[in-house]
Amino acid sequence: MTTGTQEELLTTRAADGRALIGHVVVCRAGGEVAVAHLGADGVTTGEWVAPVGESLLERCEGRALLAWDAAEAVAVVREWALADGATDVNLVTVTLSEALTEVAEARAGYAAVVAEKQAARLESGDLRWPVTLPDPLPATLEDLRRRARVVVPSDVSEAVAQARLICGLGEWVVRRWQENAVALSRREYLRAEFGEPSVLAPRWEERLAGA
């Protein structure tokens, strides 16, 4: 038996026009599996829970697996695929650390170009971020949770708590990228260097588009 919220239809598209259906979070613990959908816009759109052994493979279709360490989620999906007799499952993964690293790399690139413009007296303002990224970036899931100030729910099962944590952290990283997009939109010379603002960071967006 599964339970879930009514999922919204997503219309988000990559720069090349391909649909970005979003992420799927798969967490197994305590005899059950929790699955959640996180859109490319960082909004959680659905949550389902099933006992271990009951397949939720259809909830993963067209989505990139989002995790801190994707190995366990990949193992669960492969077990479902084997049980369902599915042979054409396309497993695309995105880890939180990869996504956050790409956001940080982009910010460093923007800062370098702004510094060049300032040195040439072509720019007087500094880049200011609503939320700065720590340096070094968080090395563990708990480090990221503390930095993002995501509260782990205590009144739900372990699997659901894990899924909601990953969704919360995923939303936090998406918001940091959206701040990057705002910075690009405000400086024409940054757009000339790095391209127009995108829904997600380029490598991240490519993975979702290819899921």
N, C-alpha and C. Protein backbone atom coordinates (compact mmCIF):
# COMPACT_ATOMS: atom_id res chain seq x y z
N MET A 1 0.86 -1.20 0.00
CA MET A 1 0.00 0.00 0.00
C MET A 1 0.89 1.24 0.00
N THR A 2 0.61 2.18 -0.85
CA THR A 2 1.38 3.41 -0.89
C THR A 2 0.48 4.58 -0.58
N THR A 3 1.08 5.62 -0.07
CA THR A 3 0.35 6.85 0.18
C THR A 3 1.12 7.99 -0.45
N GLY A 4 0.45 9.01 -0.90
CA GLY A 4 1.16 10.12 -1.51
C GLY A 4 0.28 11.33 -1.69
N THR A 5 0.92 12.45 -1.96
CA THR A 5 0.19 13.68 -2.23
C THR A 5 -0.08 13.76 -3.73
N GLN A 6 -1.01 14.61 -4.11
CA GLN A 6 -1.29 14.81 -5.54
C GLN A 6 -0.12 15.55 -6.15
N GLU A 7 0.52 14.94 -7.13
CA GLU A 7 1.71 15.52 -7.74
C GLU A 7 1.34 16.52 -8.81
N GLU A 8 2.05 17.65 -8.83
CA GLU A 8 1.80 18.66 -9.83
C GLU A 8 2.51 18.30 -11.14
N LEU A 9 1.93 18.72 -12.25
CA LEU A 9 2.58 18.53 -13.53
C LEU A 9 3.67 19.58 -13.67
N LEU A 10 4.87 19.14 -14.06
CA LEU A 10 6.00 20.04 -14.18
C LEU A 10 6.20 20.44 -15.64
N THR A 11 6.51 21.69 -15.87
CA THR A 11 6.73 22.17 -17.23
C THR A 11 8.14 22.74 -17.38
N THR A 12 8.99 22.55 -16.37
CA THR A 12 10.34 23.08 -16.42
C THR A 12 11.12 22.43 -17.55
N ARG A 13 11.88 23.24 -18.27
CA ARG A 13 12.66 22.71 -19.39
C ARG A 13 14.10 23.21 -19.32
N ALA A 14 14.99 22.37 -19.84
CA ALA A 14 16.40 22.74 -19.93
C ALA A 14 16.58 23.78 -21.03
N ALA A 15 17.79 24.33 -21.10
CA ALA A 15 18.06 25.35 -22.10
C ALA A 15 17.85 24.84 -23.52
N ASP A 16 18.05 23.53 -23.74
CA ASP A 16 17.88 22.97 -25.08
C ASP A 16 16.47 22.49 -25.35
N GLY A 17 15.55 22.75 -24.42
CA GLY A 17 14.15 22.41 -24.63
C GLY A 17 13.70 21.10 -24.04
N ARG A 18 14.64 20.25 -23.59
CA ARG A 18 14.24 18.98 -23.00
C ARG A 18 13.56 19.19 -21.65
N ALA A 19 12.59 18.35 -21.36
CA ALA A 19 11.85 18.47 -20.11
C ALA A 19 12.72 18.07 -18.93
N LEU A 20 12.59 18.81 -17.84
CA LEU A 20 13.25 18.47 -16.57
C LEU A 20 12.17 18.00 -15.62
N ILE A 21 11.93 16.70 -15.58
CA ILE A 21 10.87 16.19 -14.72
C ILE A 21 11.25 16.35 -13.25
N GLY A 22 12.53 16.15 -12.94
CA GLY A 22 12.98 16.40 -11.57
C GLY A 22 13.76 15.25 -10.98
N HIS A 23 13.81 15.24 -9.64
CA HIS A 23 14.58 14.25 -8.89
C HIS A 23 13.65 13.26 -8.21
N VAL A 24 14.19 12.09 -7.91
CA VAL A 24 13.51 11.14 -7.04
C VAL A 24 14.47 10.78 -5.91
N VAL A 25 13.94 10.73 -4.71
CA VAL A 25 14.71 10.36 -3.52
C VAL A 25 14.19 9.01 -3.05
N VAL A 26 15.08 8.06 -2.85
CA VAL A 26 14.72 6.71 -2.43
C VAL A 26 15.50 6.36 -1.17
N CYS A 27 14.80 6.12 -0.07
CA CYS A 27 15.46 5.81 1.21
C CYS A 27 14.83 4.56 1.82
N ARG A 28 15.68 3.59 2.17
CA ARG A 28 15.21 2.34 2.77
C ARG A 28 15.72 2.24 4.20
N ALA A 29 14.81 2.00 5.13
CA ALA A 29 15.17 1.86 6.54
C ALA A 29 13.99 1.28 7.30
N GLY A 30 14.27 0.50 8.34
CA GLY A 30 13.22 0.01 9.22
C GLY A 30 12.15 -0.80 8.56
N GLY A 31 12.49 -1.56 7.52
CA GLY A 31 11.51 -2.42 6.88
C GLY A 31 10.62 -1.76 5.87
N GLU A 32 10.91 -0.52 5.52
CA GLU A 32 10.10 0.16 4.51
C GLU A 32 10.97 1.05 3.64
N VAL A 33 10.39 1.48 2.54
CA VAL A 33 11.07 2.38 1.62
C VAL A 33 10.22 3.63 1.43
N ALA A 34 10.85 4.78 1.54
CA ALA A 34 10.18 6.05 1.28
C ALA A 34 10.71 6.62 -0.03
N VAL A 35 9.80 7.08 -0.85
CA VAL A 35 10.14 7.70 -2.13
C VAL A 35 9.54 9.10 -2.15
N ALA A 36 10.33 10.07 -2.58
CA ALA A 36 9.83 11.44 -2.67
C ALA A 36 10.27 12.05 -3.99
N HIS A 37 9.48 12.96 -4.51
CA HIS A 37 9.80 13.69 -5.73
C HIS A 37 10.17 15.13 -5.37
N LEU A 38 11.28 15.58 -5.93
CA LEU A 38 11.72 16.96 -5.77
C LEU A 38 11.88 17.55 -7.16
N GLY A 39 11.11 18.59 -7.45
CA GLY A 39 11.17 19.20 -8.77
C GLY A 39 12.48 19.90 -9.03
N ALA A 40 12.72 20.23 -10.29
CA ALA A 40 13.91 20.99 -10.64
C ALA A 40 13.92 22.37 -9.99
N ASP A 41 12.74 22.81 -9.56
CA ASP A 41 12.63 24.11 -8.89
C ASP A 41 12.82 24.01 -7.39
N GLY A 42 13.12 22.81 -6.87
CA GLY A 42 13.37 22.64 -5.45
C GLY A 42 12.14 22.40 -4.61
N VAL A 43 11.00 22.17 -5.24
CA VAL A 43 9.75 21.96 -4.51
C VAL A 43 9.43 20.47 -4.45
N THR A 44 9.14 19.96 -3.25
CA THR A 44 8.73 18.57 -3.10
C THR A 44 7.29 18.42 -3.57
N THR A 45 7.06 17.47 -4.47
CA THR A 45 5.73 17.35 -5.08
C THR A 45 5.04 16.03 -4.77
N GLY A 46 5.69 15.13 -4.08
CA GLY A 46 5.02 13.87 -3.77
C GLY A 46 5.85 13.01 -2.83
N GLU A 47 5.17 12.17 -2.07
CA GLU A 47 5.85 11.28 -1.12
C GLU A 47 5.05 9.98 -1.01
N TRP A 48 5.75 8.86 -1.07
CA TRP A 48 5.11 7.55 -1.00
C TRP A 48 5.91 6.65 -0.06
N VAL A 49 5.21 5.73 0.59
CA VAL A 49 5.87 4.79 1.51
C VAL A 49 5.34 3.40 1.22
N ALA A 50 6.22 2.43 1.19
CA ALA A 50 5.82 1.05 0.95
C ALA A 50 6.73 0.12 1.75
N PRO A 51 6.24 -1.06 2.10
CA PRO A 51 7.10 -2.03 2.78
C PRO A 51 8.20 -2.52 1.84
N VAL A 52 9.35 -2.88 2.42
CA VAL A 52 10.42 -3.46 1.61
C VAL A 52 9.85 -4.68 0.88
N GLY A 53 10.13 -4.78 -0.40
CA GLY A 53 9.59 -5.88 -1.19
C GLY A 53 8.49 -5.44 -2.13
N GLU A 54 7.88 -4.29 -1.84
CA GLU A 54 6.86 -3.75 -2.75
C GLU A 54 7.51 -2.70 -3.64
N SER A 55 7.37 -2.87 -4.92
CA SER A 55 8.06 -2.01 -5.87
C SER A 55 7.38 -0.66 -6.03
N LEU A 56 8.20 0.37 -6.05
CA LEU A 56 7.74 1.72 -6.39
C LEU A 56 8.50 2.22 -7.61
N LEU A 57 8.88 1.29 -8.47
CA LEU A 57 9.72 1.63 -9.62
C LEU A 57 9.08 2.70 -10.50
N GLU A 58 7.75 2.63 -10.65
CA GLU A 58 7.09 3.59 -11.54
C GLU A 58 7.24 5.03 -11.05
N ARG A 59 7.48 5.20 -9.75
CA ARG A 59 7.67 6.55 -9.20
C ARG A 59 9.03 7.14 -9.56
N CYS A 60 9.91 6.30 -10.09
CA CYS A 60 11.27 6.75 -10.39
C CYS A 60 11.47 7.10 -11.86
N GLU A 61 10.51 6.77 -12.69
CA GLU A 61 10.68 6.93 -14.13
C GLU A 61 10.89 8.39 -14.54
N GLY A 62 11.89 8.60 -15.37
CA GLY A 62 12.16 9.93 -15.91
C GLY A 62 12.82 10.89 -14.94
N ARG A 63 13.26 10.38 -13.80
CA ARG A 63 13.84 11.25 -12.77
C ARG A 63 15.25 10.82 -12.41
N ALA A 64 16.06 11.78 -11.99
CA ALA A 64 17.41 11.49 -11.52
C ALA A 64 17.37 11.19 -10.03
N LEU A 65 18.07 10.14 -9.63
CA LEU A 65 18.16 9.79 -8.21
C LEU A 65 19.00 10.83 -7.48
N LEU A 66 18.44 11.43 -6.45
CA LEU A 66 19.14 12.43 -5.65
C LEU A 66 19.48 11.82 -4.30
N ALA A 67 20.73 11.94 -3.89
CA ALA A 67 21.17 11.35 -2.63
C ALA A 67 22.47 12.01 -2.19
N TRP A 68 22.88 11.70 -0.96
CA TRP A 68 24.24 12.06 -0.55
C TRP A 68 25.20 11.01 -1.10
N ASP A 69 24.88 9.75 -0.84
CA ASP A 69 25.61 8.61 -1.40
C ASP A 69 24.57 7.78 -2.16
N ALA A 70 24.69 7.74 -3.47
CA ALA A 70 23.63 7.15 -4.29
C ALA A 70 23.64 5.63 -4.31
N ALA A 71 24.63 4.98 -3.73
CA ALA A 71 24.77 3.52 -3.85
C ALA A 71 23.54 2.78 -3.33
N GLU A 72 23.03 3.16 -2.17
CA GLU A 72 21.89 2.46 -1.59
C GLU A 72 20.64 2.67 -2.42
N ALA A 73 20.41 3.89 -2.85
CA ALA A 73 19.23 4.17 -3.68
C ALA A 73 19.29 3.40 -4.99
N VAL A 74 20.46 3.35 -5.60
CA VAL A 74 20.63 2.60 -6.85
C VAL A 74 20.35 1.13 -6.61
N ALA A 75 20.82 0.59 -5.48
CA ALA A 75 20.59 -0.82 -5.17
C ALA A 75 19.09 -1.12 -5.05
N VAL A 76 18.36 -0.23 -4.39
CA VAL A 76 16.92 -0.43 -4.22
C VAL A 76 16.22 -0.42 -5.57
N VAL A 77 16.54 0.55 -6.41
CA VAL A 77 15.89 0.66 -7.71
C VAL A 77 16.22 -0.56 -8.58
N ARG A 78 17.44 -1.03 -8.50
CA ARG A 78 17.81 -2.22 -9.28
C ARG A 78 17.05 -3.45 -8.80
N GLU A 79 16.83 -3.55 -7.49
CA GLU A 79 16.04 -4.66 -6.96
C GLU A 79 14.61 -4.59 -7.48
N TRP A 80 14.05 -3.39 -7.50
CA TRP A 80 12.69 -3.22 -8.04
C TRP A 80 12.65 -3.60 -9.52
N ALA A 81 13.65 -3.16 -10.27
CA ALA A 81 13.68 -3.46 -11.70
C ALA A 81 13.75 -4.96 -11.94
N LEU A 82 14.56 -5.65 -11.14
CA LEU A 82 14.69 -7.10 -11.28
C LEU A 82 13.37 -7.78 -10.96
N ALA A 83 12.72 -7.34 -9.88
CA ALA A 83 11.44 -7.93 -9.48
C ALA A 83 10.35 -7.68 -10.51
N ASP A 84 10.40 -6.51 -11.14
CA ASP A 84 9.36 -6.15 -12.13
C ASP A 84 9.68 -6.66 -13.53
N GLY A 85 10.86 -7.24 -13.69
CA GLY A 85 11.25 -7.69 -15.02
C GLY A 85 11.59 -6.57 -15.97
N ALA A 86 11.95 -5.42 -15.43
CA ALA A 86 12.30 -4.26 -16.26
C ALA A 86 13.77 -4.36 -16.68
N THR A 87 14.03 -4.23 -17.95
CA THR A 87 15.40 -4.36 -18.45
C THR A 87 15.96 -3.07 -19.03
N ASP A 88 15.14 -2.04 -19.11
CA ASP A 88 15.58 -0.80 -19.75
C ASP A 88 15.56 0.38 -18.79
N VAL A 89 15.84 0.12 -17.51
CA VAL A 89 15.83 1.19 -16.52
C VAL A 89 17.04 2.09 -16.73
N ASN A 90 16.80 3.38 -16.85
CA ASN A 90 17.86 4.36 -17.05
C ASN A 90 18.19 5.01 -15.72
N LEU A 91 19.30 4.59 -15.11
CA LEU A 91 19.67 5.11 -13.79
C LEU A 91 20.61 6.30 -13.93
N VAL A 92 20.11 7.46 -13.60
CA VAL A 92 20.91 8.69 -13.59
C VAL A 92 20.94 9.19 -12.15
N THR A 93 22.12 9.50 -11.65
CA THR A 93 22.23 9.94 -10.26
C THR A 93 22.79 11.36 -10.17
N VAL A 94 22.37 12.05 -9.13
CA VAL A 94 22.91 13.35 -8.76
C VAL A 94 23.16 13.31 -7.26
N THR A 95 24.38 13.58 -6.84
CA THR A 95 24.63 13.65 -5.40
C THR A 95 24.60 15.10 -4.95
N LEU A 96 24.21 15.29 -3.72
CA LEU A 96 24.15 16.64 -3.16
C LEU A 96 25.51 17.32 -3.20
N SER A 97 26.56 16.56 -2.93
CA SER A 97 27.90 17.15 -2.92
C SER A 97 28.31 17.58 -4.33
N GLU A 98 27.96 16.80 -5.35
CA GLU A 98 28.27 17.18 -6.73
C GLU A 98 27.54 18.46 -7.11
N ALA A 99 26.27 18.53 -6.77
CA ALA A 99 25.47 19.70 -7.12
C ALA A 99 25.99 20.95 -6.42
N LEU A 100 26.30 20.82 -5.13
CA LEU A 100 26.79 21.98 -4.38
C LEU A 100 28.15 22.41 -4.88
N THR A 101 29.00 21.45 -5.24
CA THR A 101 30.31 21.79 -5.78
C THR A 101 30.18 22.58 -7.07
N GLU A 102 29.24 22.20 -7.92
CA GLU A 102 29.04 22.93 -9.17
C GLU A 102 28.55 24.35 -8.92
N VAL A 103 27.69 24.52 -7.94
CA VAL A 103 27.23 25.86 -7.56
C VAL A 103 28.42 26.70 -7.10
N ALA A 104 29.26 26.11 -6.25
CA ALA A 104 30.42 26.84 -5.71
C ALA A 104 31.42 27.18 -6.81
N GLU A 105 31.65 26.25 -7.73
CA GLU A 105 32.58 26.51 -8.84
C GLU A 105 32.08 27.66 -9.70
N ALA A 106 30.79 27.70 -9.94
CA ALA A 106 30.23 28.79 -10.73
C ALA A 106 30.42 30.13 -10.03
N ARG A 107 30.17 30.15 -8.73
CA ARG A 107 30.35 31.40 -7.98
C ARG A 107 31.80 31.87 -8.04
N ALA A 108 32.73 30.94 -7.94
CA ALA A 108 34.15 31.31 -8.02
C ALA A 108 34.47 31.89 -9.40
N GLY A 109 33.89 31.31 -10.43
CA GLY A 109 34.10 31.84 -11.78
C GLY A 109 33.53 33.23 -11.94
N TYR A 110 32.34 33.45 -11.42
CA TYR A 110 31.74 34.79 -11.48
C TYR A 110 32.63 35.81 -10.76
N ALA A 111 33.09 35.41 -9.56
CA ALA A 111 33.91 36.33 -8.75
C ALA A 111 35.19 36.71 -9.47
N ALA A 112 35.80 35.75 -10.17
CA ALA A 112 37.04 36.03 -10.89
C ALA A 112 36.81 37.05 -12.00
N VAL A 113 35.71 36.91 -12.73
CA VAL A 113 35.42 37.85 -13.81
C VAL A 113 35.08 39.23 -13.25
N VAL A 114 34.32 39.27 -12.17
CA VAL A 114 34.01 40.55 -11.53
C VAL A 114 35.29 41.24 -11.08
N ALA A 115 36.21 40.48 -10.51
CA ALA A 115 37.48 41.05 -10.05
C ALA A 115 38.26 41.64 -11.22
N GLU A 116 38.25 40.97 -12.37
CA GLU A 116 38.92 41.50 -13.55
C GLU A 116 38.30 42.82 -13.99
N LYS A 117 36.98 42.89 -13.96
CA LYS A 117 36.29 44.12 -14.35
C LYS A 117 36.59 45.25 -13.36
N GLN A 118 36.67 44.90 -12.09
CA GLN A 118 37.00 45.91 -11.08
C GLN A 118 38.42 46.44 -11.28
N ALA A 119 39.34 45.54 -11.59
CA ALA A 119 40.73 45.95 -11.82
C ALA A 119 40.84 46.88 -13.03
N ALA A 120 39.97 46.68 -14.00
CA ALA A 120 39.96 47.53 -15.19
C ALA A 120 39.04 48.74 -15.02
N ARG A 121 38.53 48.93 -13.82
CA ARG A 121 37.62 50.03 -13.49
C ARG A 121 36.35 50.00 -14.35
N LEU A 122 35.91 48.80 -14.65
CA LEU A 122 34.67 48.62 -15.40
C LEU A 122 33.53 48.12 -14.52
N GLU A 123 33.82 47.89 -13.28
CA GLU A 123 32.83 47.42 -12.31
C GLU A 123 33.20 47.96 -10.94
N SER A 124 32.21 48.53 -10.26
CA SER A 124 32.47 49.09 -8.93
C SER A 124 31.86 48.27 -7.81
N GLY A 125 30.88 47.42 -8.15
CA GLY A 125 30.19 46.67 -7.12
C GLY A 125 30.74 45.26 -6.94
N ASP A 126 30.61 44.75 -5.73
CA ASP A 126 31.01 43.38 -5.43
C ASP A 126 29.83 42.43 -5.62
N LEU A 127 30.13 41.16 -5.84
CA LEU A 127 29.09 40.14 -5.81
C LEU A 127 28.68 39.91 -4.36
N ARG A 128 27.40 39.98 -4.10
CA ARG A 128 26.90 39.74 -2.75
C ARG A 128 25.87 38.62 -2.80
N TRP A 129 26.10 37.61 -1.97
CA TRP A 129 25.22 36.45 -1.96
C TRP A 129 24.29 36.48 -0.76
N PRO A 130 22.99 36.26 -0.97
CA PRO A 130 22.06 36.18 0.17
C PRO A 130 22.49 35.12 1.19
N VAL A 131 23.00 34.00 0.68
CA VAL A 131 23.53 32.94 1.53
C VAL A 131 24.89 32.55 0.98
N THR A 132 25.94 32.74 1.77
CA THR A 132 27.27 32.36 1.32
C THR A 132 27.50 30.87 1.52
N LEU A 133 28.38 30.32 0.73
CA LEU A 133 28.72 28.91 0.85
C LEU A 133 29.96 28.75 1.72
N PRO A 134 29.98 27.73 2.57
CA PRO A 134 31.14 27.53 3.43
C PRO A 134 32.35 27.08 2.61
N ASP A 135 33.53 27.43 3.09
CA ASP A 135 34.77 27.01 2.45
C ASP A 135 35.69 26.43 3.53
N PRO A 136 35.93 25.14 3.50
CA PRO A 136 35.55 24.18 2.47
C PRO A 136 34.07 23.81 2.54
N LEU A 137 33.58 23.19 1.48
CA LEU A 137 32.19 22.74 1.46
C LEU A 137 31.99 21.58 2.43
N PRO A 138 30.77 21.37 2.90
CA PRO A 138 30.50 20.29 3.85
C PRO A 138 30.97 18.94 3.32
N ALA A 139 31.65 18.19 4.19
CA ALA A 139 32.23 16.91 3.79
C ALA A 139 31.33 15.73 4.11
N THR A 140 30.32 15.94 4.95
CA THR A 140 29.41 14.86 5.32
C THR A 140 27.97 15.35 5.23
N LEU A 141 27.06 14.39 5.23
CA LEU A 141 25.64 14.73 5.20
C LEU A 141 25.26 15.56 6.41
N GLU A 142 25.78 15.21 7.57
CA GLU A 142 25.45 15.95 8.79
C GLU A 142 26.02 17.36 8.74
N ASP A 143 27.21 17.51 8.18
CA ASP A 143 27.78 18.85 8.03
C ASP A 143 26.87 19.73 7.17
N LEU A 144 26.38 19.16 6.09
CA LEU A 144 25.49 19.93 5.20
C LEU A 144 24.17 20.23 5.89
N ARG A 145 23.65 19.25 6.63
CA ARG A 145 22.38 19.48 7.34
C ARG A 145 22.52 20.65 8.31
N ARG A 146 23.62 20.68 9.04
CA ARG A 146 23.83 21.77 10.00
C ARG A 146 23.97 23.11 9.28
N ARG A 147 24.71 23.12 8.18
CA ARG A 147 24.91 24.37 7.46
C ARG A 147 23.60 24.88 6.87
N ALA A 148 22.79 23.95 6.36
CA ALA A 148 21.52 24.33 5.75
C ALA A 148 20.41 24.53 6.77
N ARG A 149 20.67 24.11 8.00
CA ARG A 149 19.69 24.23 9.09
C ARG A 149 18.39 23.51 8.77
N VAL A 150 18.52 22.34 8.20
CA VAL A 150 17.35 21.51 7.92
C VAL A 150 17.05 20.67 9.15
N VAL A 151 15.82 20.74 9.63
CA VAL A 151 15.41 19.99 10.82
C VAL A 151 14.88 18.63 10.39
N VAL A 152 15.42 17.58 11.00
CA VAL A 152 14.97 16.23 10.70
C VAL A 152 13.71 15.94 11.52
N PRO A 153 12.60 15.57 10.89
CA PRO A 153 11.36 15.30 11.64
C PRO A 153 11.53 14.10 12.56
N SER A 154 10.89 14.18 13.73
CA SER A 154 11.01 13.10 14.71
C SER A 154 9.74 12.27 14.85
N ASP A 155 8.66 12.69 14.21
CA ASP A 155 7.37 12.00 14.36
C ASP A 155 7.02 11.15 13.15
N VAL A 156 8.03 10.78 12.36
CA VAL A 156 7.81 9.94 11.18
C VAL A 156 8.79 8.78 11.23
N SER A 157 8.61 7.82 10.35
CA SER A 157 9.50 6.67 10.31
C SER A 157 10.89 7.09 9.85
N GLU A 158 11.85 6.21 10.10
CA GLU A 158 13.24 6.53 9.73
C GLU A 158 13.39 6.74 8.23
N ALA A 159 12.72 5.91 7.44
CA ALA A 159 12.83 6.05 5.98
C ALA A 159 12.26 7.39 5.51
N VAL A 160 11.11 7.76 6.05
CA VAL A 160 10.49 9.04 5.67
C VAL A 160 11.36 10.21 6.12
N ALA A 161 11.91 10.11 7.33
CA ALA A 161 12.78 11.18 7.83
C ALA A 161 13.99 11.36 6.93
N GLN A 162 14.58 10.26 6.49
CA GLN A 162 15.73 10.35 5.60
C GLN A 162 15.35 11.00 4.27
N ALA A 163 14.21 10.59 3.73
CA ALA A 163 13.78 11.15 2.45
C ALA A 163 13.50 12.65 2.56
N ARG A 164 12.86 13.04 3.65
CA ARG A 164 12.56 14.47 3.83
C ARG A 164 13.83 15.28 4.05
N LEU A 165 14.81 14.68 4.69
CA LEU A 165 16.09 15.37 4.87
C LEU A 165 16.75 15.62 3.52
N ILE A 166 16.82 14.58 2.69
CA ILE A 166 17.44 14.75 1.38
C ILE A 166 16.69 15.79 0.55
N CYS A 167 15.36 15.76 0.61
CA CYS A 167 14.57 16.76 -0.12
C CYS A 167 14.85 18.16 0.40
N GLY A 168 14.93 18.30 1.72
CA GLY A 168 15.21 19.61 2.30
C GLY A 168 16.57 20.14 1.89
N LEU A 169 17.56 19.25 1.88
CA LEU A 169 18.90 19.67 1.47
C LEU A 169 18.94 19.94 -0.03
N GLY A 170 18.21 19.13 -0.80
CA GLY A 170 18.14 19.38 -2.23
C GLY A 170 17.54 20.75 -2.53
N GLU A 171 16.48 21.09 -1.81
CA GLU A 171 15.88 22.41 -1.98
C GLU A 171 16.88 23.51 -1.64
N TRP A 172 17.64 23.32 -0.57
CA TRP A 172 18.62 24.33 -0.15
C TRP A 172 19.66 24.55 -1.25
N VAL A 173 20.14 23.48 -1.86
CA VAL A 173 21.15 23.62 -2.91
C VAL A 173 20.54 24.26 -4.16
N VAL A 174 19.30 23.89 -4.49
CA VAL A 174 18.62 24.54 -5.62
C VAL A 174 18.52 26.04 -5.39
N ARG A 175 18.17 26.45 -4.17
CA ARG A 175 18.04 27.88 -3.88
C ARG A 175 19.38 28.61 -4.07
N ARG A 176 20.48 27.94 -3.71
CA ARG A 176 21.78 28.57 -3.90
C ARG A 176 22.07 28.75 -5.40
N TRP A 177 21.67 27.78 -6.21
CA TRP A 177 21.85 27.97 -7.65
C TRP A 177 20.97 29.09 -8.16
N GLN A 178 19.76 29.19 -7.67
CA GLN A 178 18.88 30.26 -8.11
C GLN A 178 19.47 31.63 -7.79
N GLU A 179 20.22 31.72 -6.70
CA GLU A 179 20.94 32.97 -6.40
C GLU A 179 22.01 33.23 -7.46
N ASN A 180 22.66 32.17 -7.94
CA ASN A 180 23.61 32.32 -9.04
C ASN A 180 22.92 32.88 -10.28
N ALA A 181 21.74 32.35 -10.57
CA ALA A 181 21.00 32.79 -11.75
C ALA A 181 20.65 34.28 -11.67
N VAL A 182 20.32 34.73 -10.47
CA VAL A 182 20.02 36.16 -10.27
C VAL A 182 21.27 36.99 -10.55
N ALA A 183 22.43 36.53 -10.06
CA ALA A 183 23.68 37.26 -10.30
C ALA A 183 23.96 37.36 -11.79
N LEU A 184 23.73 36.29 -12.52
CA LEU A 184 23.93 36.32 -13.97
C LEU A 184 22.98 37.31 -14.64
N SER A 185 21.74 37.31 -14.20
CA SER A 185 20.73 38.16 -14.84
C SER A 185 21.03 39.65 -14.64
N ARG A 186 21.80 39.98 -13.62
CA ARG A 186 22.06 41.39 -13.29
C ARG A 186 23.32 41.94 -13.95
N ARG A 187 24.14 41.08 -14.55
CA ARG A 187 25.39 41.54 -15.15
C ARG A 187 25.54 40.97 -16.56
N GLU A 188 25.44 41.85 -17.53
CA GLU A 188 25.50 41.40 -18.92
C GLU A 188 26.83 40.75 -19.24
N TYR A 189 27.92 41.27 -18.67
CA TYR A 189 29.23 40.70 -18.99
C TYR A 189 29.39 39.29 -18.41
N LEU A 190 28.69 38.99 -17.32
CA LEU A 190 28.72 37.62 -16.81
C LEU A 190 27.94 36.69 -17.73
N ARG A 191 26.83 37.17 -18.25
CA ARG A 191 26.07 36.34 -19.20
C ARG A 191 26.87 36.09 -20.47
N ALA A 192 27.63 37.10 -20.89
CA ALA A 192 28.46 36.93 -22.08
C ALA A 192 29.53 35.87 -21.84
N GLU A 193 30.00 35.77 -20.63
CA GLU A 193 31.06 34.81 -20.28
C GLU A 193 30.52 33.42 -19.99
N PHE A 194 29.38 33.35 -19.27
CA PHE A 194 28.89 32.07 -18.76
C PHE A 194 27.57 31.62 -19.37
N GLY A 195 26.96 32.44 -20.19
CA GLY A 195 25.69 32.07 -20.79
C GLY A 195 24.50 32.57 -19.99
N GLU A 196 23.33 32.41 -20.55
CA GLU A 196 22.11 32.86 -19.90
C GLU A 196 21.82 32.01 -18.66
N PRO A 197 21.10 32.57 -17.69
CA PRO A 197 20.73 31.80 -16.49
C PRO A 197 19.95 30.54 -16.87
N SER A 198 20.25 29.45 -16.20
CA SER A 198 19.57 28.18 -16.46
C SER A 198 18.83 27.73 -15.21
N VAL A 199 17.94 26.77 -15.39
CA VAL A 199 17.14 26.27 -14.27
C VAL A 199 18.04 25.72 -13.18
N LEU A 200 19.04 24.94 -13.57
CA LEU A 200 20.01 24.37 -12.65
C LEU A 200 21.40 24.55 -13.24
N ALA A 201 22.42 24.28 -12.44
CA ALA A 201 23.79 24.34 -12.94
C ALA A 201 23.93 23.39 -14.13
N PRO A 202 24.77 23.72 -15.12
CA PRO A 202 24.79 22.98 -16.39
C PRO A 202 24.93 21.47 -16.28
N ARG A 203 25.91 20.96 -15.54
CA ARG A 203 26.08 19.51 -15.45
C ARG A 203 24.89 18.87 -14.73
N TRP A 204 24.41 19.53 -13.71
CA TRP A 204 23.25 19.07 -12.95
C TRP A 204 22.01 19.03 -13.85
N GLU A 205 21.80 20.11 -14.58
CA GLU A 205 20.65 20.18 -15.48
C GLU A 205 20.73 19.10 -16.55
N GLU A 206 21.93 18.86 -17.07
CA GLU A 206 22.10 17.83 -18.10
C GLU A 206 21.70 16.46 -17.59
N ARG A 207 22.01 16.16 -16.34
CA ARG A 207 21.65 14.86 -15.79
C ARG A 207 20.13 14.71 -15.68
N LEU A 208 19.47 15.75 -15.23
CA LEU A 208 18.01 15.66 -15.14
C LEU A 208 17.39 15.51 -16.52
N ALA A 209 17.92 16.25 -17.48
CA ALA A 209 17.37 16.18 -18.84
C ALA A 209 17.59 14.80 -19.45
N GLY A 210 18.65 14.13 -19.04
CA GLY A 210 18.96 12.82 -19.60
C GLY A 210 18.36 11.66 -18.84
N ALA A 211 17.62 11.94 -17.78
CA ALA A 211 17.06 10.86 -16.95
C ALA A 211 15.88 10.17 -17.65
